[in-house]
Amino acid sequence: MRAENLIKTYNNGVSGLKGINLSIYNGEMVGILGKSGSGKTTFFRLLNGSIAPTEGDLFVLGRSLRGLPYKA
């Protein structure tokens, strides 16, 4: 999984994520830690397709998730 310049800004102007770049490789175990409101839930909602990024892209198995239907 790879995130490139991932940005999520909600309709009310609140930033959920700003410029996230991250690569997670096959077999790696990764923990996502942060304070309340730091974007952990937003990141996972982007990853599972619940919401679409404002900018940037997510890749899973080398394929972009951009253009796939998102479920609200």
N, C-alpha and C. Protein backbone atom coordinates (compact mmCIF):
# COMPACT_ATOMS: atom_id res chain seq x y z
N MET A 1 0.85 -1.15 0.00
CA MET A 1 0.00 0.00 0.00
C MET A 1 0.90 1.22 0.00
N ARG A 2 0.50 2.22 -0.78
CA ARG A 2 1.29 3.44 -0.86
C ARG A 2 0.35 4.64 -0.90
N ALA A 3 0.67 5.65 -0.12
CA ALA A 3 -0.06 6.92 -0.15
C ALA A 3 0.88 7.98 -0.68
N GLU A 4 0.41 8.77 -1.64
CA GLU A 4 1.22 9.84 -2.22
C GLU A 4 0.50 11.17 -2.06
N ASN A 5 1.11 12.06 -1.27
CA ASN A 5 0.59 13.41 -1.05
C ASN A 5 -0.91 13.40 -0.75
N LEU A 6 -1.30 12.52 0.16
CA LEU A 6 -2.71 12.32 0.49
C LEU A 6 -3.23 13.50 1.31
N ILE A 7 -4.28 14.12 0.82
CA ILE A 7 -4.90 15.26 1.48
C ILE A 7 -6.41 15.02 1.53
N LYS A 8 -6.99 15.28 2.69
CA LYS A 8 -8.45 15.23 2.83
C LYS A 8 -8.90 16.49 3.56
N THR A 9 -9.71 17.28 2.88
CA THR A 9 -10.33 18.46 3.48
C THR A 9 -11.83 18.24 3.41
N TYR A 10 -12.49 18.33 4.55
CA TYR A 10 -13.93 18.12 4.60
C TYR A 10 -14.68 19.35 4.10
N ASN A 11 -15.95 19.20 3.79
CA ASN A 11 -16.77 20.28 3.24
C ASN A 11 -16.81 21.52 4.13
N ASN A 12 -16.64 21.34 5.43
CA ASN A 12 -16.66 22.48 6.36
C ASN A 12 -15.30 23.17 6.46
N GLY A 13 -14.32 22.73 5.63
CA GLY A 13 -13.00 23.34 5.61
C GLY A 13 -11.99 22.72 6.57
N VAL A 14 -12.43 21.78 7.39
CA VAL A 14 -11.53 21.13 8.34
C VAL A 14 -10.62 20.16 7.60
N SER A 15 -9.33 20.22 7.90
CA SER A 15 -8.36 19.30 7.29
C SER A 15 -8.33 18.00 8.08
N GLY A 16 -8.56 16.89 7.37
CA GLY A 16 -8.45 15.58 8.00
C GLY A 16 -7.04 15.04 7.88
N LEU A 17 -6.41 15.29 6.75
CA LEU A 17 -5.02 14.88 6.50
C LEU A 17 -4.37 15.92 5.61
N LYS A 18 -3.07 16.11 5.79
CA LYS A 18 -2.32 17.08 4.98
C LYS A 18 -1.04 16.43 4.47
N GLY A 19 -0.98 16.14 3.18
CA GLY A 19 0.26 15.71 2.54
C GLY A 19 0.90 14.45 3.09
N ILE A 20 0.12 13.40 3.29
CA ILE A 20 0.65 12.15 3.82
C ILE A 20 1.33 11.35 2.70
N ASN A 21 2.56 10.94 2.96
CA ASN A 21 3.30 10.04 2.08
C ASN A 21 3.72 8.84 2.92
N LEU A 22 3.34 7.64 2.49
CA LEU A 22 3.57 6.45 3.29
C LEU A 22 3.61 5.23 2.39
N SER A 23 4.54 4.33 2.66
CA SER A 23 4.59 3.04 1.96
C SER A 23 4.59 1.94 3.00
N ILE A 24 3.75 0.95 2.79
CA ILE A 24 3.70 -0.24 3.65
C ILE A 24 3.86 -1.43 2.72
N TYR A 25 4.87 -2.24 2.99
CA TYR A 25 5.21 -3.35 2.10
C TYR A 25 4.66 -4.67 2.61
N ASN A 26 4.50 -5.61 1.69
CA ASN A 26 4.00 -6.94 2.00
C ASN A 26 4.78 -7.54 3.17
N GLY A 27 4.06 -8.03 4.16
CA GLY A 27 4.67 -8.68 5.31
C GLY A 27 4.98 -7.74 6.46
N GLU A 28 4.90 -6.44 6.26
CA GLU A 28 5.17 -5.49 7.33
C GLU A 28 3.96 -5.37 8.26
N MET A 29 4.25 -5.16 9.53
CA MET A 29 3.22 -4.84 10.51
C MET A 29 3.42 -3.39 10.89
N VAL A 30 2.36 -2.61 10.79
CA VAL A 30 2.45 -1.17 11.03
C VAL A 30 1.35 -0.75 11.99
N GLY A 31 1.70 0.11 12.91
CA GLY A 31 0.72 0.71 13.80
C GLY A 31 0.59 2.19 13.47
N ILE A 32 -0.60 2.70 13.51
CA ILE A 32 -0.85 4.12 13.27
C ILE A 32 -1.25 4.74 14.61
N LEU A 33 -0.40 5.62 15.11
CA LEU A 33 -0.62 6.24 16.41
C LEU A 33 -0.76 7.75 16.25
N GLY A 34 -1.52 8.36 17.13
CA GLY A 34 -1.65 9.81 17.12
C GLY A 34 -2.70 10.27 18.11
N LYS A 35 -2.64 11.54 18.39
CA LYS A 35 -3.61 12.14 19.31
C LYS A 35 -5.00 12.13 18.69
N SER A 36 -6.00 12.36 19.51
CA SER A 36 -7.37 12.51 19.04
C SER A 36 -7.42 13.65 18.03
N GLY A 37 -8.05 13.40 16.89
CA GLY A 37 -8.17 14.42 15.86
C GLY A 37 -6.98 14.53 14.93
N SER A 38 -6.04 13.59 15.02
CA SER A 38 -4.82 13.69 14.19
C SER A 38 -4.98 13.08 12.80
N GLY A 39 -6.10 12.40 12.52
CA GLY A 39 -6.34 11.88 11.18
C GLY A 39 -6.28 10.38 11.03
N LYS A 40 -6.18 9.65 12.12
CA LYS A 40 -6.10 8.19 12.04
C LYS A 40 -7.35 7.60 11.39
N THR A 41 -8.51 7.98 11.88
CA THR A 41 -9.76 7.45 11.33
C THR A 41 -9.95 7.90 9.89
N THR A 42 -9.63 9.14 9.59
CA THR A 42 -9.73 9.64 8.22
C THR A 42 -8.86 8.80 7.30
N PHE A 43 -7.63 8.49 7.72
CA PHE A 43 -6.73 7.68 6.89
C PHE A 43 -7.36 6.31 6.59
N PHE A 44 -7.90 5.66 7.60
CA PHE A 44 -8.48 4.33 7.38
C PHE A 44 -9.77 4.40 6.56
N ARG A 45 -10.52 5.46 6.69
CA ARG A 45 -11.71 5.63 5.85
C ARG A 45 -11.32 5.84 4.39
N LEU A 46 -10.22 6.55 4.15
CA LEU A 46 -9.71 6.69 2.79
C LEU A 46 -9.25 5.34 2.26
N LEU A 47 -8.56 4.59 3.08
CA LEU A 47 -8.02 3.30 2.67
C LEU A 47 -9.12 2.29 2.36
N ASN A 48 -10.21 2.30 3.14
CA ASN A 48 -11.27 1.31 2.90
C ASN A 48 -12.32 1.79 1.90
N GLY A 49 -12.14 3.00 1.36
CA GLY A 49 -13.05 3.47 0.32
C GLY A 49 -14.31 4.14 0.82
N SER A 50 -14.40 4.42 2.12
CA SER A 50 -15.58 5.09 2.65
C SER A 50 -15.66 6.54 2.19
N ILE A 51 -14.50 7.17 2.02
CA ILE A 51 -14.43 8.56 1.57
C ILE A 51 -13.34 8.68 0.51
N ALA A 52 -13.42 9.73 -0.29
CA ALA A 52 -12.43 9.97 -1.34
C ALA A 52 -11.45 11.05 -0.89
N PRO A 53 -10.20 10.96 -1.31
CA PRO A 53 -9.24 12.02 -0.97
C PRO A 53 -9.56 13.30 -1.74
N THR A 54 -9.21 14.43 -1.15
CA THR A 54 -9.34 15.71 -1.83
C THR A 54 -8.24 15.84 -2.88
N GLU A 55 -7.03 15.42 -2.51
CA GLU A 55 -5.88 15.41 -3.42
C GLU A 55 -5.03 14.20 -3.09
N GLY A 56 -4.12 13.88 -3.99
CA GLY A 56 -3.22 12.75 -3.78
C GLY A 56 -3.85 11.45 -4.23
N ASP A 57 -3.17 10.36 -3.93
CA ASP A 57 -3.65 9.06 -4.39
C ASP A 57 -3.22 7.97 -3.43
N LEU A 58 -4.01 6.91 -3.42
CA LEU A 58 -3.71 5.69 -2.68
C LEU A 58 -3.53 4.57 -3.68
N PHE A 59 -2.53 3.73 -3.45
CA PHE A 59 -2.27 2.58 -4.30
C PHE A 59 -2.28 1.32 -3.44
N VAL A 60 -2.96 0.30 -3.90
CA VAL A 60 -2.96 -1.00 -3.24
C VAL A 60 -2.57 -2.02 -4.29
N LEU A 61 -1.54 -2.81 -3.98
CA LEU A 61 -0.99 -3.78 -4.93
C LEU A 61 -0.62 -3.09 -6.25
N GLY A 62 -0.11 -1.86 -6.14
CA GLY A 62 0.34 -1.11 -7.30
C GLY A 62 -0.74 -0.45 -8.12
N ARG A 63 -2.00 -0.60 -7.72
CA ARG A 63 -3.11 -0.03 -8.49
C ARG A 63 -3.73 1.14 -7.73
N SER A 64 -3.96 2.22 -8.45
CA SER A 64 -4.56 3.41 -7.86
C SER A 64 -6.01 3.14 -7.48
N LEU A 65 -6.41 3.68 -6.33
CA LEU A 65 -7.81 3.59 -5.92
C LEU A 65 -8.63 4.74 -6.50
N ARG A 66 -7.94 5.72 -7.10
CA ARG A 66 -8.65 6.86 -7.70
C ARG A 66 -9.52 6.37 -8.85
N GLY A 67 -10.72 6.86 -8.91
CA GLY A 67 -11.63 6.45 -9.96
C GLY A 67 -12.54 5.30 -9.57
N LEU A 68 -12.22 4.62 -8.47
CA LEU A 68 -13.11 3.57 -7.98
C LEU A 68 -14.28 4.23 -7.26
N PRO A 69 -15.44 3.60 -7.27
CA PRO A 69 -16.59 4.19 -6.57
C PRO A 69 -16.36 4.19 -5.06
N TYR A 70 -16.69 5.30 -4.41
CA TYR A 70 -16.58 5.41 -2.96
C TYR A 70 -17.96 5.26 -2.36
N LYS A 71 -18.01 4.60 -1.21
CA LYS A 71 -19.29 4.40 -0.52
C LYS A 71 -19.34 5.35 0.66
N ALA A 72 -20.33 6.22 0.66
CA ALA A 72 -20.47 7.21 1.74
C ALA A 72 -21.15 6.59 2.94
